[in-house]
Amino acid sequence: MSGNEREEEIVFEICVVVPKKSEKQGDESSLDCVEVLADEFKKGGLIVERVIGLQNEFIKVCPILFFLSSLLIWIYVVYWELIALF
């Protein structure tokens, strides 16, 4: 990666931890509660990433406005760098 190229990472502000279901528990429904929760966060306009751990599942959540504001700042900086070249 050269000095001018930057790879932006999404900064997640919230993490929800959900204990994994035990295999001993009966599967009373086919719904995965973590999947349903992640879908609801997405419907609410959040960026969601699921991480499966050994004992827990994690849902990392980022507000879309935070992501968009970071993106706009990056576009602004790149714009002025391009203007400076000409």
PDB file of N, CA and C in Angstrom:
ATOM      1  N   MET A   1       0.843  -1.161   0.000  1.00  0.00           N
ATOM      2  CA  MET A   1       0.000   0.000   0.000  1.00  0.00           C
ATOM      3  C   MET A   1       0.894   1.231   0.000  1.00  0.00           C
ATOM      4  N   SER A   2       0.671   2.153  -0.930  1.00  0.00           N
ATOM      5  CA  SER A   2       1.481   3.356  -0.998  1.00  0.00           C
ATOM      6  C   SER A   2       1.001   4.365   0.039  1.00  0.00           C
ATOM      7  N   GLY A   3       1.722   5.469   0.149  1.00  0.00           N
ATOM      8  CA  GLY A   3       1.402   6.469   1.158  1.00  0.00           C
ATOM      9  C   GLY A   3       0.073   7.162   0.932  1.00  0.00           C
ATOM     10  N   ASN A   4      -0.392   7.243  -0.330  1.00  0.00           N
ATOM     11  CA  ASN A   4      -1.638   7.939  -0.620  1.00  0.00           C
ATOM     12  C   ASN A   4      -2.867   7.061  -0.463  1.00  0.00           C
ATOM     13  N   GLU A   5      -2.688   5.755  -0.491  1.00  0.00           N
ATOM     14  CA  GLU A   5      -3.822   4.845  -0.388  1.00  0.00           C
ATOM     15  C   GLU A   5      -4.126   4.570   1.081  1.00  0.00           C
ATOM     16  N   ARG A   6      -5.394   4.676   1.414  1.00  0.00           N
ATOM     17  CA  ARG A   6      -5.823   4.368   2.786  1.00  0.00           C
ATOM     18  C   ARG A   6      -7.005   3.437   2.728  1.00  0.00           C
ATOM     19  N   GLU A   7      -6.973   2.432   3.536  1.00  0.00           N
ATOM     20  CA  GLU A   7      -8.127   1.541   3.651  1.00  0.00           C
ATOM     21  C   GLU A   7      -8.840   1.894   4.940  1.00  0.00           C
ATOM     22  N   GLU A   8     -10.052   2.398   4.803  1.00  0.00           N
ATOM     23  CA  GLU A   8     -10.826   2.817   5.964  1.00  0.00           C
ATOM     24  C   GLU A   8     -11.521   1.617   6.581  1.00  0.00           C
ATOM     25  N   GLU A   9     -11.433   1.522   7.885  1.00  0.00           N
ATOM     26  CA  GLU A   9     -12.150   0.484   8.609  1.00  0.00           C
ATOM     27  C   GLU A   9     -13.380   1.101   9.249  1.00  0.00           C
ATOM     28  N   ILE A  10     -14.426   0.333   9.321  1.00  0.00           N
ATOM     29  CA  ILE A  10     -15.622   0.785  10.011  1.00  0.00           C
ATOM     30  C   ILE A  10     -15.371   0.664  11.508  1.00  0.00           C
ATOM     31  N   VAL A  11     -15.674   1.717  12.232  1.00  0.00           N
ATOM     32  CA  VAL A  11     -15.512   1.708  13.681  1.00  0.00           C
ATOM     33  C   VAL A  11     -16.869   1.382  14.288  1.00  0.00           C
ATOM     34  N   PHE A  12     -16.946   0.237  14.936  1.00  0.00           N
ATOM     35  CA  PHE A  12     -18.191  -0.178  15.567  1.00  0.00           C
ATOM     36  C   PHE A  12     -18.242   0.410  16.970  1.00  0.00           C
ATOM     37  N   GLU A  13     -19.369   1.022  17.302  1.00  0.00           N
ATOM     38  CA  GLU A  13     -19.509   1.694  18.593  1.00  0.00           C
ATOM     39  C   GLU A  13     -20.194   0.843  19.647  1.00  0.00           C
ATOM     40  N   ILE A  14     -20.952  -0.151  19.216  1.00  0.00           N
ATOM     41  CA  ILE A  14     -21.737  -0.963  20.151  1.00  0.00           C
ATOM     42  C   ILE A  14     -21.505  -2.434  19.831  1.00  0.00           C
ATOM     43  N   CYS A  15     -21.448  -3.249  20.866  1.00  0.00           N
ATOM     44  CA  CYS A  15     -21.357  -4.692  20.667  1.00  0.00           C
ATOM     45  C   CYS A  15     -22.368  -5.365  21.590  1.00  0.00           C
ATOM     46  N   VAL A  16     -23.219  -6.207  21.008  1.00  0.00           N
ATOM     47  CA  VAL A  16     -24.211  -6.950  21.774  1.00  0.00           C
ATOM     48  C   VAL A  16     -23.711  -8.387  21.884  1.00  0.00           C
ATOM     49  N   VAL A  17     -23.676  -8.918  23.098  1.00  0.00           N
ATOM     50  CA  VAL A  17     -23.197 -10.281  23.327  1.00  0.00           C
ATOM     51  C   VAL A  17     -24.394 -11.163  23.661  1.00  0.00           C
ATOM     52  N   VAL A  18     -24.513 -12.272  22.915  1.00  0.00           N
ATOM     53  CA  VAL A  18     -25.618 -13.208  23.124  1.00  0.00           C
ATOM     54  C   VAL A  18     -25.015 -14.592  23.377  1.00  0.00           C
ATOM     55  N   PRO A  19     -25.350 -15.236  24.510  1.00  0.00           N
ATOM     56  CA  PRO A  19     -24.828 -16.580  24.758  1.00  0.00           C
ATOM     57  C   PRO A  19     -25.325 -17.560  23.696  1.00  0.00           C
ATOM     58  N   LYS A  20     -24.433 -18.458  23.297  1.00  0.00           N
ATOM     59  CA  LYS A  20     -24.836 -19.483  22.333  1.00  0.00           C
ATOM     60  C   LYS A  20     -25.811 -20.448  22.986  1.00  0.00           C
ATOM     61  N   LYS A  21     -26.675 -21.013  22.162  1.00  0.00           N
ATOM     62  CA  LYS A  21     -27.590 -22.039  22.654  1.00  0.00           C
ATOM     63  C   LYS A  21     -26.799 -23.308  22.941  1.00  0.00           C
ATOM     64  N   SER A  22     -27.173 -23.945  23.991  1.00  0.00           N
ATOM     65  CA  SER A  22     -26.575 -25.237  24.304  1.00  0.00           C
ATOM     66  C   SER A  22     -27.208 -26.296  23.410  1.00  0.00           C
ATOM     67  N   GLU A  23     -26.419 -27.240  22.956  1.00  0.00           N
ATOM     68  CA  GLU A  23     -26.956 -28.305  22.113  1.00  0.00           C
ATOM     69  C   GLU A  23     -27.900 -29.205  22.906  1.00  0.00           C
ATOM     70  N   LYS A  24     -27.793 -29.146  24.241  1.00  0.00           N
ATOM     71  CA  LYS A  24     -28.664 -29.971  25.078  1.00  0.00           C
ATOM     72  C   LYS A  24     -30.088 -29.425  25.092  1.00  0.00           C
ATOM     73  N   GLN A  25     -30.223 -28.111  24.873  1.00  0.00           N
ATOM     74  CA  GLN A  25     -31.545 -27.506  24.859  1.00  0.00           C
ATOM     75  C   GLN A  25     -32.279 -27.941  23.605  1.00  0.00           C
ATOM     76  N   GLY A  26     -33.550 -28.202  23.760  1.00  0.00           N
ATOM     77  CA  GLY A  26     -34.349 -28.606  22.615  1.00  0.00           C
ATOM     78  C   GLY A  26     -34.534 -27.453  21.646  1.00  0.00           C
ATOM     79  N   ASP A  27     -34.537 -27.758  20.379  1.00  0.00           N
ATOM     80  CA  ASP A  27     -34.740 -26.732  19.366  1.00  0.00           C
ATOM     81  C   ASP A  27     -36.240 -26.556  19.169  1.00  0.00           C
ATOM     82  N   GLU A  28     -36.831 -25.665  19.975  1.00  0.00           N
ATOM     83  CA  GLU A  28     -38.269 -25.479  19.955  1.00  0.00           C
ATOM     84  C   GLU A  28     -38.736 -24.685  18.745  1.00  0.00           C
ATOM     85  N   SER A  29     -37.881 -23.875  18.187  1.00  0.00           N
ATOM     86  CA  SER A  29     -38.253 -23.113  16.995  1.00  0.00           C
ATOM     87  C   SER A  29     -37.060 -23.047  16.057  1.00  0.00           C
ATOM     88  N   SER A  30     -37.335 -22.815  14.799  1.00  0.00           N
ATOM     89  CA  SER A  30     -36.258 -22.760  13.817  1.00  0.00           C
ATOM     90  C   SER A  30     -35.651 -21.367  13.729  1.00  0.00           C
ATOM     91  N   LEU A  31     -36.182 -20.406  14.518  1.00  0.00           N
ATOM     92  CA  LEU A  31     -35.674 -19.043  14.460  1.00  0.00           C
ATOM     93  C   LEU A  31     -34.376 -18.910  15.245  1.00  0.00           C
ATOM     94  N   ASP A  32     -33.408 -18.262  14.644  1.00  0.00           N
ATOM     95  CA  ASP A  32     -32.155 -17.941  15.311  1.00  0.00           C
ATOM     96  C   ASP A  32     -32.314 -16.530  15.871  1.00  0.00           C
ATOM     97  N   CYS A  33     -32.351 -16.403  17.194  1.00  0.00           N
ATOM     98  CA  CYS A  33     -32.631 -15.105  17.800  1.00  0.00           C
ATOM     99  C   CYS A  33     -31.561 -14.073  17.451  1.00  0.00           C
ATOM    100  N   VAL A  34     -30.312 -14.493  17.285  1.00  0.00           N
ATOM    101  CA  VAL A  34     -29.244 -13.568  16.928  1.00  0.00           C
ATOM    102  C   VAL A  34     -29.465 -13.045  15.509  1.00  0.00           C
ATOM    103  N   GLU A  35     -29.884 -13.922  14.621  1.00  0.00           N
ATOM    104  CA  GLU A  35     -30.148 -13.515  13.240  1.00  0.00           C
ATOM    105  C   GLU A  35     -31.311 -12.527  13.177  1.00  0.00           C
ATOM    106  N   VAL A  36     -32.354 -12.798  13.949  1.00  0.00           N
ATOM    107  CA  VAL A  36     -33.512 -11.898  13.990  1.00  0.00           C
ATOM    108  C   VAL A  36     -33.099 -10.537  14.533  1.00  0.00           C
ATOM    109  N   LEU A  37     -32.305 -10.517  15.599  1.00  0.00           N
ATOM    110  CA  LEU A  37     -31.849  -9.266  16.185  1.00  0.00           C
ATOM    111  C   LEU A  37     -30.976  -8.487  15.201  1.00  0.00           C
ATOM    112  N   ALA A  38     -30.065  -9.178  14.511  1.00  0.00           N
ATOM    113  CA  ALA A  38     -29.200  -8.531  13.523  1.00  0.00           C
ATOM    114  C   ALA A  38     -30.041  -7.946  12.378  1.00  0.00           C
ATOM    115  N   ASP A  39     -31.048  -8.676  11.928  1.00  0.00           N
ATOM    116  CA  ASP A  39     -31.928  -8.169  10.869  1.00  0.00           C
ATOM    117  C   ASP A  39     -32.685  -6.922  11.311  1.00  0.00           C
ATOM    118  N   GLU A  40     -33.125  -6.893  12.553  1.00  0.00           N
ATOM    119  CA  GLU A  40     -33.831  -5.724  13.064  1.00  0.00           C
ATOM    120  C   GLU A  40     -32.906  -4.512  13.149  1.00  0.00           C
ATOM    121  N   PHE A  41     -31.655  -4.723  13.552  1.00  0.00           N
ATOM    122  CA  PHE A  41     -30.685  -3.629  13.570  1.00  0.00           C
ATOM    123  C   PHE A  41     -30.472  -3.090  12.153  1.00  0.00           C
ATOM    124  N   LYS A  42     -30.373  -3.998  11.173  1.00  0.00           N
ATOM    125  CA  LYS A  42     -30.184  -3.575   9.776  1.00  0.00           C
ATOM    126  C   LYS A  42     -31.389  -2.791   9.276  1.00  0.00           C
ATOM    127  N   LYS A  43     -32.585  -3.247   9.635  1.00  0.00           N
ATOM    128  CA  LYS A  43     -33.802  -2.525   9.237  1.00  0.00           C
ATOM    129  C   LYS A  43     -33.831  -1.129   9.838  1.00  0.00           C
ATOM    130  N   GLY A  44     -33.210  -0.974  10.993  1.00  0.00           N
ATOM    131  CA  GLY A  44     -33.154   0.323  11.663  1.00  0.00           C
ATOM    132  C   GLY A  44     -32.086   1.240  11.096  1.00  0.00           C
ATOM    133  N   GLY A  45     -31.365   0.797  10.072  1.00  0.00           N
ATOM    134  CA  GLY A  45     -30.374   1.649   9.427  1.00  0.00           C
ATOM    135  C   GLY A  45     -28.987   1.563  10.027  1.00  0.00           C
ATOM    136  N   LEU A  46     -28.661   0.453  10.660  1.00  0.00           N
ATOM    137  CA  LEU A  46     -27.343   0.279  11.253  1.00  0.00           C
ATOM    138  C   LEU A  46     -26.503  -0.685  10.421  1.00  0.00           C
ATOM    139  N   ILE A  47     -25.199  -0.520  10.482  1.00  0.00           N
ATOM    140  CA  ILE A  47     -24.287  -1.475   9.868  1.00  0.00           C
ATOM    141  C   ILE A  47     -24.029  -2.559  10.913  1.00  0.00           C
ATOM    142  N   VAL A  48     -24.178  -3.821  10.524  1.00  0.00           N
ATOM    143  CA  VAL A  48     -24.121  -4.928  11.477  1.00  0.00           C
ATOM    144  C   VAL A  48     -23.103  -5.962  11.006  1.00  0.00           C
ATOM    145  N   GLU A  49     -22.327  -6.462  11.950  1.00  0.00           N
ATOM    146  CA  GLU A  49     -21.403  -7.569  11.670  1.00  0.00           C
ATOM    147  C   GLU A  49     -21.549  -8.596  12.783  1.00  0.00           C
ATOM    148  N   ARG A  50     -21.756  -9.851  12.396  1.00  0.00           N
ATOM    149  CA  ARG A  50     -21.862 -10.936  13.383  1.00  0.00           C
ATOM    150  C   ARG A  50     -20.523 -11.642  13.516  1.00  0.00           C
ATOM    151  N   VAL A  51     -20.146 -11.925  14.751  1.00  0.00           N
ATOM    152  CA  VAL A  51     -18.917 -12.670  15.041  1.00  0.00           C
ATOM    153  C   VAL A  51     -19.300 -13.827  15.944  1.00  0.00           C
ATOM    154  N   ILE A  52     -18.932 -15.023  15.541  1.00  0.00           N
ATOM    155  CA  ILE A  52     -19.261 -16.214  16.331  1.00  0.00           C
ATOM    156  C   ILE A  52     -18.041 -16.612  17.142  1.00  0.00           C
ATOM    157  N   GLY A  53     -18.216 -16.605  18.466  1.00  0.00           N
ATOM    158  CA  GLY A  53     -17.148 -16.998  19.368  1.00  0.00           C
ATOM    159  C   GLY A  53     -17.356 -18.418  19.858  1.00  0.00           C
ATOM    160  N   LEU A  54     -16.532 -18.843  20.790  1.00  0.00           N
ATOM    161  CA  LEU A  54     -16.646 -20.203  21.321  1.00  0.00           C
ATOM    162  C   LEU A  54     -17.877 -20.372  22.201  1.00  0.00           C
ATOM    163  N   GLN A  55     -18.126 -19.410  23.081  1.00  0.00           N
ATOM    164  CA  GLN A  55     -19.254 -19.529  23.997  1.00  0.00           C
ATOM    165  C   GLN A  55     -20.352 -18.500  23.734  1.00  0.00           C
ATOM    166  N   ASN A  56     -20.043 -17.437  23.001  1.00  0.00           N
ATOM    167  CA  ASN A  56     -20.999 -16.361  22.756  1.00  0.00           C
ATOM    168  C   ASN A  56     -20.993 -15.967  21.287  1.00  0.00           C
ATOM    169  N   GLU A  57     -22.059 -15.305  20.886  1.00  0.00           N
ATOM    170  CA  GLU A  57     -22.097 -14.668  19.575  1.00  0.00           C
ATOM    171  C   GLU A  57     -22.122 -13.170  19.809  1.00  0.00           C
ATOM    172  N   PHE A  58     -21.431 -12.438  18.965  1.00  0.00           N
ATOM    173  CA  PHE A  58     -21.323 -10.997  19.108  1.00  0.00           C
ATOM    174  C   PHE A  58     -21.952 -10.331  17.894  1.00  0.00           C
ATOM    175  N   ILE A  59     -22.695  -9.262  18.149  1.00  0.00           N
ATOM    176  CA  ILE A  59     -23.250  -8.447  17.076  1.00  0.00           C
ATOM    177  C   ILE A  59     -22.616  -7.067  17.224  1.00  0.00           C
ATOM    178  N   LYS A  60     -21.745  -6.712  16.277  1.00  0.00           N
ATOM    179  CA  LYS A  60     -21.106  -5.400  16.299  1.00  0.00           C
ATOM    180  C   LYS A  60     -21.978  -4.451  15.478  1.00  0.00           C
ATOM    181  N   VAL A  61     -22.270  -3.275  16.056  1.00  0.00           N
ATOM    182  CA  VAL A  61     -23.222  -2.343  15.446  1.00  0.00           C
ATOM    183  C   VAL A  61     -22.566  -0.975  15.278  1.00  0.00           C
ATOM    184  N   CYS A  62     -22.771  -0.394  14.106  1.00  0.00           N
ATOM    185  CA  CYS A  62     -22.263   0.943  13.805  1.00  0.00           C
ATOM    186  C   CYS A  62     -23.401   1.787  13.265  1.00  0.00           C
ATOM    187  N   PRO A  63     -23.640   2.947  13.849  1.00  0.00           N
ATOM    188  CA  PRO A  63     -24.668   3.832  13.294  1.00  0.00           C
ATOM    189  C   PRO A  63     -24.273   4.299  11.899  1.00  0.00           C
ATOM    190  N   ILE A  64     -25.194   4.265  10.960  1.00  0.00           N
ATOM    191  CA  ILE A  64     -24.907   4.623   9.574  1.00  0.00           C
ATOM    192  C   ILE A  64     -24.485   6.083   9.466  1.00  0.00           C
ATOM    193  N   LEU A  65     -25.016   6.971  10.302  1.00  0.00           N
ATOM    194  CA  LEU A  65     -24.625   8.373  10.232  1.00  0.00           C
ATOM    195  C   LEU A  65     -23.156   8.557  10.544  1.00  0.00           C
ATOM    196  N   PHE A  66     -22.636   7.794  11.510  1.00  0.00           N
ATOM    197  CA  PHE A  66     -21.212   7.860  11.835  1.00  0.00           C
ATOM    198  C   PHE A  66     -20.393   7.424  10.632  1.00  0.00           C
ATOM    199  N   PHE A  67     -20.820   6.343   9.991  1.00  0.00           N
ATOM    200  CA  PHE A  67     -20.122   5.827   8.817  1.00  0.00           C
ATOM    201  C   PHE A  67     -20.170   6.839   7.679  1.00  0.00           C
ATOM    202  N   LEU A  68     -21.338   7.427   7.426  1.00  0.00           N
ATOM    203  CA  LEU A  68     -21.470   8.399   6.339  1.00  0.00           C
ATOM    204  C   LEU A  68     -20.650   9.653   6.599  1.00  0.00           C
ATOM    205  N   SER A  69     -20.627  10.109   7.847  1.00  0.00           N
ATOM    206  CA  SER A  69     -19.835  11.306   8.143  1.00  0.00           C
ATOM    207  C   SER A  69     -18.351  11.031   7.935  1.00  0.00           C
ATOM    208  N   SER A  70     -17.886   9.847   8.307  1.00  0.00           N
ATOM    209  CA  SER A  70     -16.485   9.479   8.068  1.00  0.00           C
ATOM    210  C   SER A  70     -16.195   9.417   6.577  1.00  0.00           C
ATOM    211  N   LEU A  71     -17.134   8.869   5.817  1.00  0.00           N
ATOM    212  CA  LEU A  71     -16.979   8.775   4.375  1.00  0.00           C
ATOM    213  C   LEU A  71     -16.935  10.159   3.736  1.00  0.00           C
ATOM    214  N   LEU A  72     -17.803  11.054   4.173  1.00  0.00           N
ATOM    215  CA  LEU A  72     -17.811  12.413   3.631  1.00  0.00           C
ATOM    216  C   LEU A  72     -16.516  13.151   3.933  1.00  0.00           C
ATOM    217  N   ILE A  73     -15.982  12.976   5.121  1.00  0.00           N
ATOM    218  CA  ILE A  73     -14.700  13.595   5.468  1.00  0.00           C
ATOM    219  C   ILE A  73     -13.600  13.060   4.571  1.00  0.00           C
ATOM    220  N   TRP A  74     -13.595  11.757   4.334  1.00  0.00           N
ATOM    221  CA  TRP A  74     -12.588  11.146   3.480  1.00  0.00           C
ATOM    222  C   TRP A  74     -12.702  11.679   2.051  1.00  0.00           C
ATOM    223  N   ILE A  75     -13.930  11.791   1.527  1.00  0.00           N
ATOM    224  CA  ILE A  75     -14.141  12.322   0.171  1.00  0.00           C
ATOM    225  C   ILE A  75     -13.652  13.766   0.091  1.00  0.00           C
ATOM    226  N   TYR A  76     -13.927  14.550   1.110  1.00  0.00           N
ATOM    227  CA  TYR A  76     -13.497  15.944   1.147  1.00  0.00           C
ATOM    228  C   TYR A  76     -11.970  16.037   1.087  1.00  0.00           C
ATOM    229  N   VAL A  77     -11.295  15.217   1.876  1.00  0.00           N
ATOM    230  CA  VAL A  77      -9.822  15.229   1.900  1.00  0.00           C
ATOM    231  C   VAL A  77      -9.271  14.806   0.536  1.00  0.00           C
ATOM    232  N   VAL A  78      -9.824  13.757  -0.038  1.00  0.00           N
ATOM    233  CA  VAL A  78      -9.361  13.289  -1.351  1.00  0.00           C
ATOM    234  C   VAL A  78      -9.594  14.360  -2.406  1.00  0.00           C
ATOM    235  N   TYR A  79     -10.740  15.035  -2.343  1.00  0.00           N
ATOM    236  CA  TYR A  79     -11.055  16.099  -3.296  1.00  0.00           C
ATOM    237  C   TYR A  79      -9.983  17.185  -3.251  1.00  0.00           C
ATOM    238  N   TRP A  80      -9.637  17.629  -2.051  1.00  0.00           N
ATOM    239  CA  TRP A  80      -8.646  18.701  -1.941  1.00  0.00           C
ATOM    240  C   TRP A  80      -7.252  18.217  -2.306  1.00  0.00           C
ATOM    241  N   GLU A  81      -6.945  16.944  -2.092  1.00  0.00           N
ATOM    242  CA  GLU A  81      -5.663  16.404  -2.551  1.00  0.00           C
ATOM    243  C   GLU A  81      -5.593  16.400  -4.063  1.00  0.00           C
ATOM    244  N   LEU A  82      -6.716  16.066  -4.735  1.00  0.00           N
ATOM    245  CA  LEU A  82      -6.744  16.097  -6.192  1.00  0.00           C
ATOM    246  C   LEU A  82      -6.641  17.523  -6.721  1.00  0.00           C
ATOM    247  N   ILE A  83      -7.309  18.452  -6.084  1.00  0.00           N
ATOM    248  CA  ILE A  83      -7.222  19.863  -6.496  1.00  0.00           C
ATOM    249  C   ILE A  83      -5.784  20.358  -6.364  1.00  0.00           C
ATOM    250  N   ALA A  84      -5.101  19.941  -5.311  1.00  0.00           N
ATOM    251  CA  ALA A  84      -3.721  20.384  -5.091  1.00  0.00           C
ATOM    252  C   ALA A  84      -2.795  19.859  -6.193  1.00  0.00           C
ATOM    253  N   LEU A  85      -3.136  18.731  -6.816  1.00  0.00           N
ATOM    254  CA  LEU A  85      -2.293  18.179  -7.874  1.00  0.00           C
ATOM    255  C   LEU A  85      -2.348  19.019  -9.137  1.00  0.00           C
ATOM    256  N   PHE A  86      -3.460  19.698  -9.341  1.00  0.00           N
ATOM    257  CA  PHE A  86      -3.625  20.493 -10.562  1.00  0.00           C
ATOM    258  C   PHE A  86      -3.330  21.894 -10.252  1.00  0.00           C
TER     259      PHE A  86
END
